[in-house]
């Protein structure tokens, strides 16, 4: 396993926990539960991807300094 994979495994539950505080269902129309859950899942993956890439880039940048 690479460090990036380990970071993904760590970050996805953290992002899920953080997004759990937001009521995403109130943003969507009534009876659109599955669309709201799909949006929640996609948002989790996108934020996790951005966080992991930020951490990797930040560590690589600080190695050069």
N, C-alpha and C. Protein backbone atom coordinates (compact mmCIF):
# COMPACT_ATOMS: atom_id res chain seq x y z
N UNK A 1 0.83 -1.19 0.00
CA UNK A 1 0.00 0.00 0.00
C UNK A 1 0.87 1.25 0.00
N UNK A 2 0.47 2.18 -0.79
CA UNK A 2 1.20 3.42 -0.81
C UNK A 2 0.66 4.35 0.27
N UNK A 3 1.41 5.40 0.54
CA UNK A 3 1.00 6.36 1.54
C UNK A 3 -0.28 7.08 1.12
N UNK A 4 -0.46 7.26 -0.18
CA UNK A 4 -1.65 7.92 -0.69
C UNK A 4 -2.90 7.09 -0.41
N UNK A 5 -2.81 5.79 -0.59
CA UNK A 5 -3.94 4.90 -0.31
C UNK A 5 -4.28 4.91 1.17
N UNK A 6 -3.28 4.90 2.00
CA UNK A 6 -3.51 4.95 3.45
C UNK A 6 -4.17 6.26 3.84
N UNK A 7 -3.73 7.35 3.23
CA UNK A 7 -4.35 8.63 3.52
C UNK A 7 -5.81 8.67 3.07
N UNK A 8 -6.12 8.06 1.93
CA UNK A 8 -7.51 7.98 1.48
C UNK A 8 -8.36 7.20 2.49
N UNK A 9 -7.81 6.09 2.98
CA UNK A 9 -8.54 5.27 3.95
C UNK A 9 -8.78 6.03 5.25
N UNK A 10 -7.86 6.89 5.61
CA UNK A 10 -8.01 7.69 6.83
C UNK A 10 -8.95 8.88 6.61
N UNK A 11 -8.84 9.53 5.47
CA UNK A 11 -9.58 10.77 5.23
C UNK A 11 -11.06 10.57 4.93
N UNK A 12 -11.42 9.49 4.28
CA UNK A 12 -12.82 9.29 3.92
C UNK A 12 -13.72 9.23 5.16
N UNK A 13 -13.39 8.47 6.20
CA UNK A 13 -14.25 8.51 7.40
C UNK A 13 -14.25 9.86 8.10
N UNK A 14 -13.13 10.57 8.08
CA UNK A 14 -13.09 11.88 8.70
C UNK A 14 -14.00 12.86 7.96
N UNK A 15 -13.95 12.82 6.63
CA UNK A 15 -14.80 13.71 5.85
C UNK A 15 -16.27 13.32 6.01
N UNK A 16 -16.57 12.02 6.06
CA UNK A 16 -17.94 11.59 6.30
C UNK A 16 -18.44 12.11 7.65
N UNK A 17 -17.60 12.03 8.66
CA UNK A 17 -17.97 12.51 9.99
C UNK A 17 -18.21 14.01 9.97
N UNK A 18 -17.37 14.75 9.26
CA UNK A 18 -17.53 16.20 9.19
C UNK A 18 -18.78 16.59 8.40
N UNK A 19 -19.05 15.90 7.30
CA UNK A 19 -20.23 16.22 6.50
C UNK A 19 -21.53 15.77 7.15
N UNK A 20 -21.43 14.90 8.13
CA UNK A 20 -22.62 14.42 8.82
C UNK A 20 -23.31 15.53 9.60
N UNK A 21 -22.61 16.60 9.88
CA UNK A 21 -23.20 17.71 10.62
C UNK A 21 -24.05 18.61 9.73
N UNK A 22 -23.97 18.43 8.43
CA UNK A 22 -24.74 19.25 7.49
C UNK A 22 -26.00 18.49 7.07
N UNK A 23 -27.12 19.17 7.10
CA UNK A 23 -28.38 18.56 6.66
C UNK A 23 -28.53 18.79 5.16
N UNK A 24 -27.99 17.88 4.39
CA UNK A 24 -28.01 18.02 2.93
C UNK A 24 -29.42 17.78 2.38
N UNK A 25 -30.23 17.01 3.08
CA UNK A 25 -31.58 16.72 2.59
C UNK A 25 -32.44 17.97 2.49
N UNK A 26 -32.17 18.98 3.30
CA UNK A 26 -32.97 20.20 3.24
C UNK A 26 -32.67 21.02 1.99
N UNK A 27 -31.56 20.78 1.35
CA UNK A 27 -31.20 21.51 0.13
C UNK A 27 -31.97 20.96 -1.07
N UNK A 28 -32.27 19.67 -1.04
CA UNK A 28 -32.92 19.01 -2.18
C UNK A 28 -34.43 19.06 -2.06
N UNK A 29 -35.10 18.76 -3.15
CA UNK A 29 -36.56 18.70 -3.16
C UNK A 29 -37.04 17.54 -2.30
N UNK A 30 -38.31 17.57 -1.95
CA UNK A 30 -38.88 16.50 -1.16
C UNK A 30 -38.87 15.20 -1.94
N UNK A 31 -38.73 14.10 -1.23
CA UNK A 31 -38.72 12.74 -1.80
C UNK A 31 -37.57 12.52 -2.78
N UNK A 32 -36.49 13.23 -2.60
CA UNK A 32 -35.28 13.05 -3.42
C UNK A 32 -34.15 12.53 -2.54
N UNK A 33 -34.46 11.53 -1.74
CA UNK A 33 -33.51 11.00 -0.77
C UNK A 33 -32.29 10.38 -1.45
N UNK A 34 -32.51 9.60 -2.50
CA UNK A 34 -31.40 8.90 -3.15
C UNK A 34 -30.46 9.87 -3.88
N UNK A 35 -31.01 10.90 -4.47
CA UNK A 35 -30.17 11.90 -5.12
C UNK A 35 -29.35 12.65 -4.08
N UNK A 36 -29.93 12.93 -2.92
CA UNK A 36 -29.20 13.61 -1.86
C UNK A 36 -28.07 12.72 -1.33
N UNK A 37 -28.32 11.44 -1.19
CA UNK A 37 -27.28 10.51 -0.72
C UNK A 37 -26.17 10.36 -1.75
N UNK A 38 -26.52 10.33 -3.02
CA UNK A 38 -25.50 10.25 -4.07
C UNK A 38 -24.63 11.50 -4.08
N UNK A 39 -25.26 12.66 -3.93
CA UNK A 39 -24.52 13.91 -3.83
C UNK A 39 -23.59 13.90 -2.62
N UNK A 40 -24.08 13.40 -1.50
CA UNK A 40 -23.30 13.27 -0.27
C UNK A 40 -22.07 12.39 -0.49
N UNK A 41 -22.26 11.29 -1.19
CA UNK A 41 -21.15 10.37 -1.48
C UNK A 41 -20.13 11.00 -2.41
N UNK A 42 -20.59 11.65 -3.47
CA UNK A 42 -19.69 12.30 -4.41
C UNK A 42 -18.93 13.43 -3.73
N UNK A 43 -19.62 14.21 -2.90
CA UNK A 43 -18.97 15.29 -2.17
C UNK A 43 -17.90 14.76 -1.22
N UNK A 44 -18.17 13.63 -0.59
CA UNK A 44 -17.19 13.01 0.30
C UNK A 44 -15.94 12.59 -0.47
N UNK A 45 -16.12 11.98 -1.61
CA UNK A 45 -14.99 11.52 -2.41
C UNK A 45 -14.18 12.71 -2.92
N UNK A 46 -14.85 13.75 -3.37
CA UNK A 46 -14.16 14.93 -3.91
C UNK A 46 -13.35 15.63 -2.81
N UNK A 47 -13.95 15.83 -1.65
CA UNK A 47 -13.24 16.51 -0.57
C UNK A 47 -12.07 15.66 -0.08
N UNK A 48 -12.26 14.35 0.01
CA UNK A 48 -11.17 13.46 0.42
C UNK A 48 -10.02 13.52 -0.58
N UNK A 49 -10.34 13.51 -1.86
CA UNK A 49 -9.33 13.60 -2.91
C UNK A 49 -8.54 14.90 -2.77
N UNK A 50 -9.24 16.01 -2.58
CA UNK A 50 -8.55 17.29 -2.44
C UNK A 50 -7.68 17.35 -1.19
N UNK A 51 -8.17 16.82 -0.10
CA UNK A 51 -7.38 16.82 1.14
C UNK A 51 -6.12 15.97 1.02
N UNK A 52 -6.26 14.79 0.46
CA UNK A 52 -5.09 13.91 0.31
C UNK A 52 -4.07 14.53 -0.62
N UNK A 53 -4.50 15.10 -1.72
CA UNK A 53 -3.55 15.74 -2.64
C UNK A 53 -2.90 16.96 -1.99
N UNK A 54 -3.65 17.70 -1.19
CA UNK A 54 -3.04 18.82 -0.48
C UNK A 54 -1.98 18.33 0.49
N UNK A 55 -2.25 17.29 1.23
CA UNK A 55 -1.28 16.77 2.20
C UNK A 55 -0.04 16.26 1.49
N UNK A 56 -0.22 15.53 0.40
CA UNK A 56 0.92 15.00 -0.35
C UNK A 56 1.75 16.15 -0.94
N UNK A 57 1.10 17.11 -1.55
CA UNK A 57 1.81 18.25 -2.14
C UNK A 57 2.51 19.07 -1.06
N UNK A 58 1.86 19.25 0.06
CA UNK A 58 2.47 20.03 1.14
C UNK A 58 3.71 19.33 1.69
N UNK A 59 3.64 18.03 1.88
CA UNK A 59 4.83 17.31 2.37
C UNK A 59 5.95 17.31 1.35
N UNK A 60 5.59 17.18 0.07
CA UNK A 60 6.63 17.24 -0.96
C UNK A 60 7.26 18.62 -1.05
N UNK A 61 6.47 19.65 -0.90
CA UNK A 61 7.00 21.02 -0.95
C UNK A 61 7.91 21.31 0.25
N UNK A 62 7.52 20.84 1.42
CA UNK A 62 8.33 21.13 2.60
C UNK A 62 9.65 20.35 2.60
N UNK A 63 9.73 19.28 1.83
CA UNK A 63 10.99 18.55 1.72
C UNK A 63 12.02 19.38 0.96
N UNK A 64 11.57 20.21 0.02
CA UNK A 64 12.49 21.03 -0.77
C UNK A 64 12.98 22.24 -0.02
N UNK A 65 12.22 22.68 0.95
CA UNK A 65 12.58 23.92 1.68
C UNK A 65 13.62 23.66 2.72
